[in-house]
């Protein structure tokens, strides 16, 4: 088993545990398992809120760069 597989296995194991805990005992237990599974997949953003802001900023910058690069040039 390679290091990459071990890291992914650990990440998704934590995600499953996080989603089961959220489904049974968490703040959003009324939502259902699918909702909590989605929250479990992005568990680092829930555990470390500043990480969510950083990821959001990176996505916004990537979209702006994509629009600037792939947008139509209206001057020609």
PDB file of N, CA and C in Angstrom:
ATOM      1  N   UNK A   1       0.850  -1.169   0.000  1.00  0.00           N
ATOM      2  CA  UNK A   1       0.000   0.000   0.000  1.00  0.00           C
ATOM      3  C   UNK A   1       0.902   1.240   0.000  1.00  0.00           C
ATOM      4  N   UNK A   2       0.668   2.104  -0.954  1.00  0.00           N
ATOM      5  CA  UNK A   2       1.494   3.302  -1.070  1.00  0.00           C
ATOM      6  C   UNK A   2       1.078   4.347  -0.034  1.00  0.00           C
ATOM      7  N   UNK A   3       1.929   5.341   0.125  1.00  0.00           N
ATOM      8  CA  UNK A   3       1.654   6.412   1.081  1.00  0.00           C
ATOM      9  C   UNK A   3       0.403   7.189   0.687  1.00  0.00           C
ATOM     10  N   UNK A   4       0.222   7.403  -0.614  1.00  0.00           N
ATOM     11  CA  UNK A   4      -0.959   8.129  -1.091  1.00  0.00           C
ATOM     12  C   UNK A   4      -2.244   7.396  -0.706  1.00  0.00           C
ATOM     13  N   UNK A   5      -2.257   6.085  -0.872  1.00  0.00           N
ATOM     14  CA  UNK A   5      -3.440   5.298  -0.519  1.00  0.00           C
ATOM     15  C   UNK A   5      -3.696   5.326   0.985  1.00  0.00           C
ATOM     16  N   UNK A   6      -2.621   5.299   1.767  1.00  0.00           N
ATOM     17  CA  UNK A   6      -2.779   5.349   3.221  1.00  0.00           C
ATOM     18  C   UNK A   6      -3.360   6.687   3.665  1.00  0.00           C
ATOM     19  N   UNK A   7      -2.879   7.770   3.065  1.00  0.00           N
ATOM     20  CA  UNK A   7      -3.381   9.101   3.414  1.00  0.00           C
ATOM     21  C   UNK A   7      -4.850   9.238   3.026  1.00  0.00           C
ATOM     22  N   UNK A   8      -5.205   8.791   1.820  1.00  0.00           N
ATOM     23  CA  UNK A   8      -6.607   8.856   1.389  1.00  0.00           C
ATOM     24  C   UNK A   8      -7.504   7.975   2.252  1.00  0.00           C
ATOM     25  N   UNK A   9      -7.019   6.803   2.617  1.00  0.00           N
ATOM     26  CA  UNK A   9      -7.791   5.915   3.483  1.00  0.00           C
ATOM     27  C   UNK A   9      -8.021   6.560   4.848  1.00  0.00           C
ATOM     28  N   UNK A  10      -6.994   7.171   5.404  1.00  0.00           N
ATOM     29  CA  UNK A  10      -7.137   7.848   6.696  1.00  0.00           C
ATOM     30  C   UNK A  10      -8.113   9.015   6.589  1.00  0.00           C
ATOM     31  N   UNK A  11      -8.002   9.802   5.516  1.00  0.00           N
ATOM     32  CA  UNK A  11      -8.882  10.960   5.330  1.00  0.00           C
ATOM     33  C   UNK A  11     -10.340  10.529   5.240  1.00  0.00           C
ATOM     34  N   UNK A  12     -10.633   9.538   4.399  1.00  0.00           N
ATOM     35  CA  UNK A  12     -12.019   9.110   4.229  1.00  0.00           C
ATOM     36  C   UNK A  12     -12.535   8.322   5.433  1.00  0.00           C
ATOM     37  N   UNK A  13     -11.647   7.668   6.177  1.00  0.00           N
ATOM     38  CA  UNK A  13     -12.076   7.025   7.420  1.00  0.00           C
ATOM     39  C   UNK A  13     -12.525   8.070   8.430  1.00  0.00           C
ATOM     40  N   UNK A  14     -11.755   9.154   8.545  1.00  0.00           N
ATOM     41  CA  UNK A  14     -12.154  10.249   9.431  1.00  0.00           C
ATOM     42  C   UNK A  14     -13.453  10.876   8.932  1.00  0.00           C
ATOM     43  N   UNK A  15     -13.598  10.999   7.611  1.00  0.00           N
ATOM     44  CA  UNK A  15     -14.825  11.579   7.048  1.00  0.00           C
ATOM     45  C   UNK A  15     -16.043  10.729   7.392  1.00  0.00           C
ATOM     46  N   UNK A  16     -15.924   9.422   7.289  1.00  0.00           N
ATOM     47  CA  UNK A  16     -17.044   8.534   7.622  1.00  0.00           C
ATOM     48  C   UNK A  16     -17.375   8.629   9.110  1.00  0.00           C
ATOM     49  N   UNK A  17     -16.345   8.612   9.957  1.00  0.00           N
ATOM     50  CA  UNK A  17     -16.583   8.738  11.395  1.00  0.00           C
ATOM     51  C   UNK A  17     -17.213  10.085  11.738  1.00  0.00           C
ATOM     52  N   UNK A  18     -16.734  11.135  11.109  1.00  0.00           N
ATOM     53  CA  UNK A  18     -17.265  12.479  11.338  1.00  0.00           C
ATOM     54  C   UNK A  18     -18.728  12.549  10.912  1.00  0.00           C
ATOM     55  N   UNK A  19     -19.066  11.938   9.771  1.00  0.00           N
ATOM     56  CA  UNK A  19     -20.450  12.000   9.294  1.00  0.00           C
ATOM     57  C   UNK A  19     -21.383  11.145  10.151  1.00  0.00           C
ATOM     58  N   UNK A  20     -20.930   9.991  10.600  1.00  0.00           N
ATOM     59  CA  UNK A  20     -21.768   9.158  11.471  1.00  0.00           C
ATOM     60  C   UNK A  20     -22.004   9.865  12.801  1.00  0.00           C
ATOM     61  N   UNK A  21     -20.954  10.472  13.357  1.00  0.00           N
ATOM     62  CA  UNK A  21     -21.121  11.221  14.604  1.00  0.00           C
ATOM     63  C   UNK A  21     -22.099  12.384  14.411  1.00  0.00           C
ATOM     64  N   UNK A  22     -21.947  13.112  13.319  1.00  0.00           N
ATOM     65  CA  UNK A  22     -22.844  14.233  13.053  1.00  0.00           C
ATOM     66  C   UNK A  22     -24.281  13.791  12.844  1.00  0.00           C
ATOM     67  N   UNK A  23     -24.449  12.637  12.236  1.00  0.00           N
ATOM     68  CA  UNK A  23     -25.786  12.100  11.973  1.00  0.00           C
ATOM     69  C   UNK A  23     -26.474  11.648  13.259  1.00  0.00           C
ATOM     70  N   UNK A  24     -25.703  11.053  14.168  1.00  0.00           N
ATOM     71  CA  UNK A  24     -26.298  10.519  15.391  1.00  0.00           C
ATOM     72  C   UNK A  24     -26.356  11.525  16.539  1.00  0.00           C
ATOM     73  N   UNK A  25     -25.293  12.335  16.692  1.00  0.00           N
ATOM     74  CA  UNK A  25     -25.202  13.174  17.888  1.00  0.00           C
ATOM     75  C   UNK A  25     -24.948  14.643  17.597  1.00  0.00           C
ATOM     76  N   UNK A  26     -24.717  15.004  16.367  1.00  0.00           N
ATOM     77  CA  UNK A  26     -24.251  16.343  16.047  1.00  0.00           C
ATOM     78  C   UNK A  26     -25.332  17.406  16.012  1.00  0.00           C
ATOM     79  N   UNK A  27     -24.877  18.592  15.694  1.00  0.00           N
ATOM     80  CA  UNK A  27     -25.756  19.757  15.621  1.00  0.00           C
ATOM     81  C   UNK A  27     -26.789  19.622  14.501  1.00  0.00           C
ATOM     82  N   UNK A  28     -26.432  18.893  13.443  1.00  0.00           N
ATOM     83  CA  UNK A  28     -27.318  18.728  12.285  1.00  0.00           C
ATOM     84  C   UNK A  28     -27.883  17.310  12.203  1.00  0.00           C
ATOM     85  N   UNK A  29     -28.171  16.689  13.337  1.00  0.00           N
ATOM     86  CA  UNK A  29     -28.687  15.317  13.315  1.00  0.00           C
ATOM     87  C   UNK A  29     -30.077  15.222  12.701  1.00  0.00           C
ATOM     88  N   UNK A  30     -30.798  16.327  12.666  1.00  0.00           N
ATOM     89  CA  UNK A  30     -32.134  16.331  12.066  1.00  0.00           C
ATOM     90  C   UNK A  30     -32.073  16.340  10.542  1.00  0.00           C
ATOM     91  N   UNK A  31     -30.911  16.581   9.954  1.00  0.00           N
ATOM     92  CA  UNK A  31     -30.776  16.716   8.503  1.00  0.00           C
ATOM     93  C   UNK A  31     -30.790  15.385   7.757  1.00  0.00           C
ATOM     94  N   UNK A  32     -30.218  14.361   8.296  1.00  0.00           N
ATOM     95  CA  UNK A  32     -30.131  13.093   7.591  1.00  0.00           C
ATOM     96  C   UNK A  32     -28.687  12.733   7.299  1.00  0.00           C
ATOM     97  N   UNK A  33     -28.503  11.466   6.926  1.00  0.00           N
ATOM     98  CA  UNK A  33     -27.134  10.978   6.754  1.00  0.00           C
ATOM     99  C   UNK A  33     -26.450  11.569   5.532  1.00  0.00           C
ATOM    100  N   UNK A  34     -27.151  11.763   4.439  1.00  0.00           N
ATOM    101  CA  UNK A  34     -26.520  12.290   3.222  1.00  0.00           C
ATOM    102  C   UNK A  34     -25.948  13.683   3.446  1.00  0.00           C
ATOM    103  N   UNK A  35     -26.684  14.521   4.130  1.00  0.00           N
ATOM    104  CA  UNK A  35     -26.194  15.866   4.442  1.00  0.00           C
ATOM    105  C   UNK A  35     -24.941  15.785   5.310  1.00  0.00           C
ATOM    106  N   UNK A  36     -24.981  14.931   6.319  1.00  0.00           N
ATOM    107  CA  UNK A  36     -23.835  14.791   7.207  1.00  0.00           C
ATOM    108  C   UNK A  36     -22.662  14.109   6.522  1.00  0.00           C
ATOM    109  N   UNK A  37     -22.930  13.270   5.539  1.00  0.00           N
ATOM    110  CA  UNK A  37     -21.839  12.680   4.764  1.00  0.00           C
ATOM    111  C   UNK A  37     -21.133  13.752   3.944  1.00  0.00           C
ATOM    112  N   UNK A  38     -21.897  14.656   3.367  1.00  0.00           N
ATOM    113  CA  UNK A  38     -21.290  15.778   2.648  1.00  0.00           C
ATOM    114  C   UNK A  38     -20.451  16.645   3.556  1.00  0.00           C
ATOM    115  N   UNK A  39     -20.943  16.891   4.767  1.00  0.00           N
ATOM    116  CA  UNK A  39     -20.153  17.653   5.743  1.00  0.00           C
ATOM    117  C   UNK A  39     -18.931  16.856   6.178  1.00  0.00           C
ATOM    118  N   UNK A  40     -19.066  15.544   6.236  1.00  0.00           N
ATOM    119  CA  UNK A  40     -17.946  14.703   6.641  1.00  0.00           C
ATOM    120  C   UNK A  40     -16.827  14.687   5.624  1.00  0.00           C
ATOM    121  N   UNK A  41     -17.175  14.779   4.349  1.00  0.00           N
ATOM    122  CA  UNK A  41     -16.146  14.768   3.305  1.00  0.00           C
ATOM    123  C   UNK A  41     -15.279  16.015   3.382  1.00  0.00           C
ATOM    124  N   UNK A  42     -15.865  17.123   3.776  1.00  0.00           N
ATOM    125  CA  UNK A  42     -15.091  18.365   3.913  1.00  0.00           C
ATOM    126  C   UNK A  42     -14.841  18.664   5.396  1.00  0.00           C
ATOM    127  N   UNK A  43     -14.560  17.633   6.189  1.00  0.00           N
ATOM    128  CA  UNK A  43     -14.398  17.795   7.628  1.00  0.00           C
ATOM    129  C   UNK A  43     -13.308  18.780   8.029  1.00  0.00           C
ATOM    130  N   UNK A  44     -12.197  18.940   7.311  1.00  0.00           N
ATOM    131  CA  UNK A  44     -11.209  19.929   7.765  1.00  0.00           C
ATOM    132  C   UNK A  44     -11.760  21.354   7.777  1.00  0.00           C
ATOM    133  N   UNK A  45     -12.672  21.654   6.859  1.00  0.00           N
ATOM    134  CA  UNK A  45     -13.259  22.995   6.809  1.00  0.00           C
ATOM    135  C   UNK A  45     -14.160  23.222   8.022  1.00  0.00           C
ATOM    136  N   UNK A  46     -14.818  22.179   8.479  1.00  0.00           N
ATOM    137  CA  UNK A  46     -15.671  22.293   9.652  1.00  0.00           C
ATOM    138  C   UNK A  46     -14.842  22.396  10.929  1.00  0.00           C
ATOM    139  N   UNK A  47     -13.770  21.635  10.995  1.00  0.00           N
ATOM    140  CA  UNK A  47     -12.931  21.631  12.191  1.00  0.00           C
ATOM    141  C   UNK A  47     -12.087  22.903  12.279  1.00  0.00           C
ATOM    142  N   UNK A  48     -11.562  23.354  11.142  1.00  0.00           N
ATOM    143  CA  UNK A  48     -10.734  24.558  11.087  1.00  0.00           C
ATOM    144  C   UNK A  48     -11.438  25.594  10.211  1.00  0.00           C
ATOM    145  N   UNK A  49     -12.259  26.479  10.771  1.00  0.00           N
ATOM    146  CA  UNK A  49     -13.051  27.424   9.966  1.00  0.00           C
ATOM    147  C   UNK A  49     -12.209  28.354   9.090  1.00  0.00           C
ATOM    148  N   UNK A  50     -11.017  28.704   9.517  1.00  0.00           N
ATOM    149  CA  UNK A  50     -10.175  29.587   8.702  1.00  0.00           C
ATOM    150  C   UNK A  50      -9.793  28.913   7.393  1.00  0.00           C
ATOM    151  N   UNK A  51      -9.699  27.601   7.395  1.00  0.00           N
ATOM    152  CA  UNK A  51      -9.371  26.864   6.176  1.00  0.00           C
ATOM    153  C   UNK A  51     -10.457  27.039   5.127  1.00  0.00           C
ATOM    154  N   UNK A  52     -11.709  27.112   5.552  1.00  0.00           N
ATOM    155  CA  UNK A  52     -12.814  27.339   4.617  1.00  0.00           C
ATOM    156  C   UNK A  52     -12.714  28.695   3.948  1.00  0.00           C
ATOM    157  N   UNK A  53     -12.304  29.711   4.706  1.00  0.00           N
ATOM    158  CA  UNK A  53     -12.132  31.043   4.125  1.00  0.00           C
ATOM    159  C   UNK A  53     -10.981  31.056   3.128  1.00  0.00           C
ATOM    160  N   UNK A  54      -9.917  30.338   3.437  1.00  0.00           N
ATOM    161  CA  UNK A  54      -8.773  30.267   2.520  1.00  0.00           C
ATOM    162  C   UNK A  54      -9.170  29.558   1.232  1.00  0.00           C
ATOM    163  N   UNK A  55      -9.874  28.440   1.350  1.00  0.00           N
ATOM    164  CA  UNK A  55     -10.311  27.702   0.162  1.00  0.00           C
ATOM    165  C   UNK A  55     -11.272  28.548  -0.667  1.00  0.00           C
ATOM    166  N   UNK A  56     -12.180  29.267  -0.014  1.00  0.00           N
ATOM    167  CA  UNK A  56     -13.098  30.156  -0.731  1.00  0.00           C
ATOM    168  C   UNK A  56     -12.363  31.246  -1.483  1.00  0.00           C
ATOM    169  N   UNK A  57     -11.337  31.823  -0.866  1.00  0.00           N
ATOM    170  CA  UNK A  57     -10.548  32.864  -1.535  1.00  0.00           C
ATOM    171  C   UNK A  57      -9.801  32.302  -2.733  1.00  0.00           C
ATOM    172  N   UNK A  58      -9.266  31.100  -2.601  1.00  0.00           N
ATOM    173  CA  UNK A  58      -8.559  30.464  -3.721  1.00  0.00           C
ATOM    174  C   UNK A  58      -9.522  30.208  -4.874  1.00  0.00           C
ATOM    175  N   UNK A  59     -10.732  29.756  -4.588  1.00  0.00           N
ATOM    176  CA  UNK A  59     -11.718  29.502  -5.645  1.00  0.00           C
ATOM    177  C   UNK A  59     -12.104  30.798  -6.345  1.00  0.00           C
ATOM    178  N   UNK A  60     -12.310  31.867  -5.588  1.00  0.00           N
ATOM    179  CA  UNK A  60     -12.660  33.155  -6.200  1.00  0.00           C
ATOM    180  C   UNK A  60     -11.542  33.649  -7.104  1.00  0.00           C
ATOM    181  N   UNK A  61     -10.301  33.556  -6.642  1.00  0.00           N
ATOM    182  CA  UNK A  61      -9.160  33.987  -7.459  1.00  0.00           C
ATOM    183  C   UNK A  61      -9.056  33.132  -8.717  1.00  0.00           C
ATOM    184  N   UNK A  62      -9.279  31.822  -8.602  1.00  0.00           N
ATOM    185  CA  UNK A  62      -9.209  30.939  -9.768  1.00  0.00           C
ATOM    186  C   UNK A  62     -10.288  31.284 -10.789  1.00  0.00           C
ATOM    187  N   UNK A  63     -11.491  31.602 -10.331  1.00  0.00           N
ATOM    188  CA  UNK A  63     -12.576  31.969 -11.250  1.00  0.00           C
ATOM    189  C   UNK A  63     -12.260  33.281 -11.950  1.00  0.00           C
ATOM    190  N   UNK A  64     -11.747  34.261 -11.218  1.00  0.00           N
ATOM    191  CA  UNK A  64     -11.398  35.546 -11.831  1.00  0.00           C
ATOM    192  C   UNK A  64     -10.297  35.367 -12.870  1.00  0.00           C
ATOM    193  N   UNK A  65      -9.291  34.576 -12.554  1.00  0.00           N
ATOM    194  CA  UNK A  65      -8.216  34.320 -13.518  1.00  0.00           C
ATOM    195  C   UNK A  65      -8.759  33.599 -14.745  1.00  0.00           C
ATOM    196  N   UNK A  66      -9.651  32.620 -14.550  1.00  0.00           N
ATOM    197  CA  UNK A  66     -10.231  31.899 -15.685  1.00  0.00           C
ATOM    198  C   UNK A  66     -11.044  32.832 -16.571  1.00  0.00           C
ATOM    199  N   UNK A  67     -11.792  33.751 -15.965  1.00  0.00           N
ATOM    200  CA  UNK A  67     -12.570  34.706 -16.759  1.00  0.00           C
ATOM    201  C   UNK A  67     -11.641  35.619 -17.542  1.00  0.00           C
ATOM    202  N   UNK A  68     -10.568  36.056 -16.923  1.00  0.00           N
ATOM    203  CA  UNK A  68      -9.630  36.937 -17.614  1.00  0.00           C
ATOM    204  C   UNK A  68      -8.902  36.229 -18.749  1.00  0.00           C
ATOM    205  N   UNK A  69      -8.560  34.976 -18.552  1.00  0.00           N
ATOM    206  CA  UNK A  69      -7.816  34.241 -19.578  1.00  0.00           C
ATOM    207  C   UNK A  69      -8.733  33.759 -20.696  1.00  0.00           C
ATOM    208  N   UNK A  70      -9.870  33.168 -20.336  1.00  0.00           N
ATOM    209  CA  UNK A  70     -10.727  32.534 -21.333  1.00  0.00           C
ATOM    210  C   UNK A  70     -11.891  33.407 -21.795  1.00  0.00           C
ATOM    211  N   UNK A  71     -12.042  34.570 -21.222  1.00  0.00           N
ATOM    212  CA  UNK A  71     -13.124  35.463 -21.632  1.00  0.00           C
ATOM    213  C   UNK A  71     -12.878  36.014 -23.025  1.00  0.00           C
ATOM    214  N   UNK A  72     -13.948  36.403 -23.673  1.00  0.00           N
ATOM    215  CA  UNK A  72     -13.811  36.962 -25.018  1.00  0.00           C
ATOM    216  C   UNK A  72     -13.153  38.326 -24.942  1.00  0.00           C
ATOM    217  N   UNK A  73     -12.315  38.579 -25.908  1.00  0.00           N
ATOM    218  CA  UNK A  73     -11.683  39.887 -25.996  1.00  0.00           C
ATOM    219  C   UNK A  73     -12.587  40.760 -26.856  1.00  0.00           C
ATOM    220  N   UNK A  74     -13.258  41.710 -26.279  1.00  0.00           N
ATOM    221  CA  UNK A  74     -14.250  42.524 -26.984  1.00  0.00           C
ATOM    222  C   UNK A  74     -13.624  43.697 -27.726  1.00  0.00           C
ATOM    223  N   UNK A  75     -12.343  43.914 -27.595  1.00  0.00           N
ATOM    224  CA  UNK A  75     -11.682  45.032 -28.270  1.00  0.00           C
ATOM    225  C   UNK A  75     -11.330  44.702 -29.713  1.00  0.00           C
ATOM    226  N   UNK A  76     -11.400  43.498 -30.102  1.00  0.00           N
ATOM    227  CA  UNK A  76     -11.003  43.110 -31.464  1.00  0.00           C
ATOM    228  C   UNK A  76     -12.190  42.882 -32.328  1.00  0.00           C
TER     229      UNK A  76
END
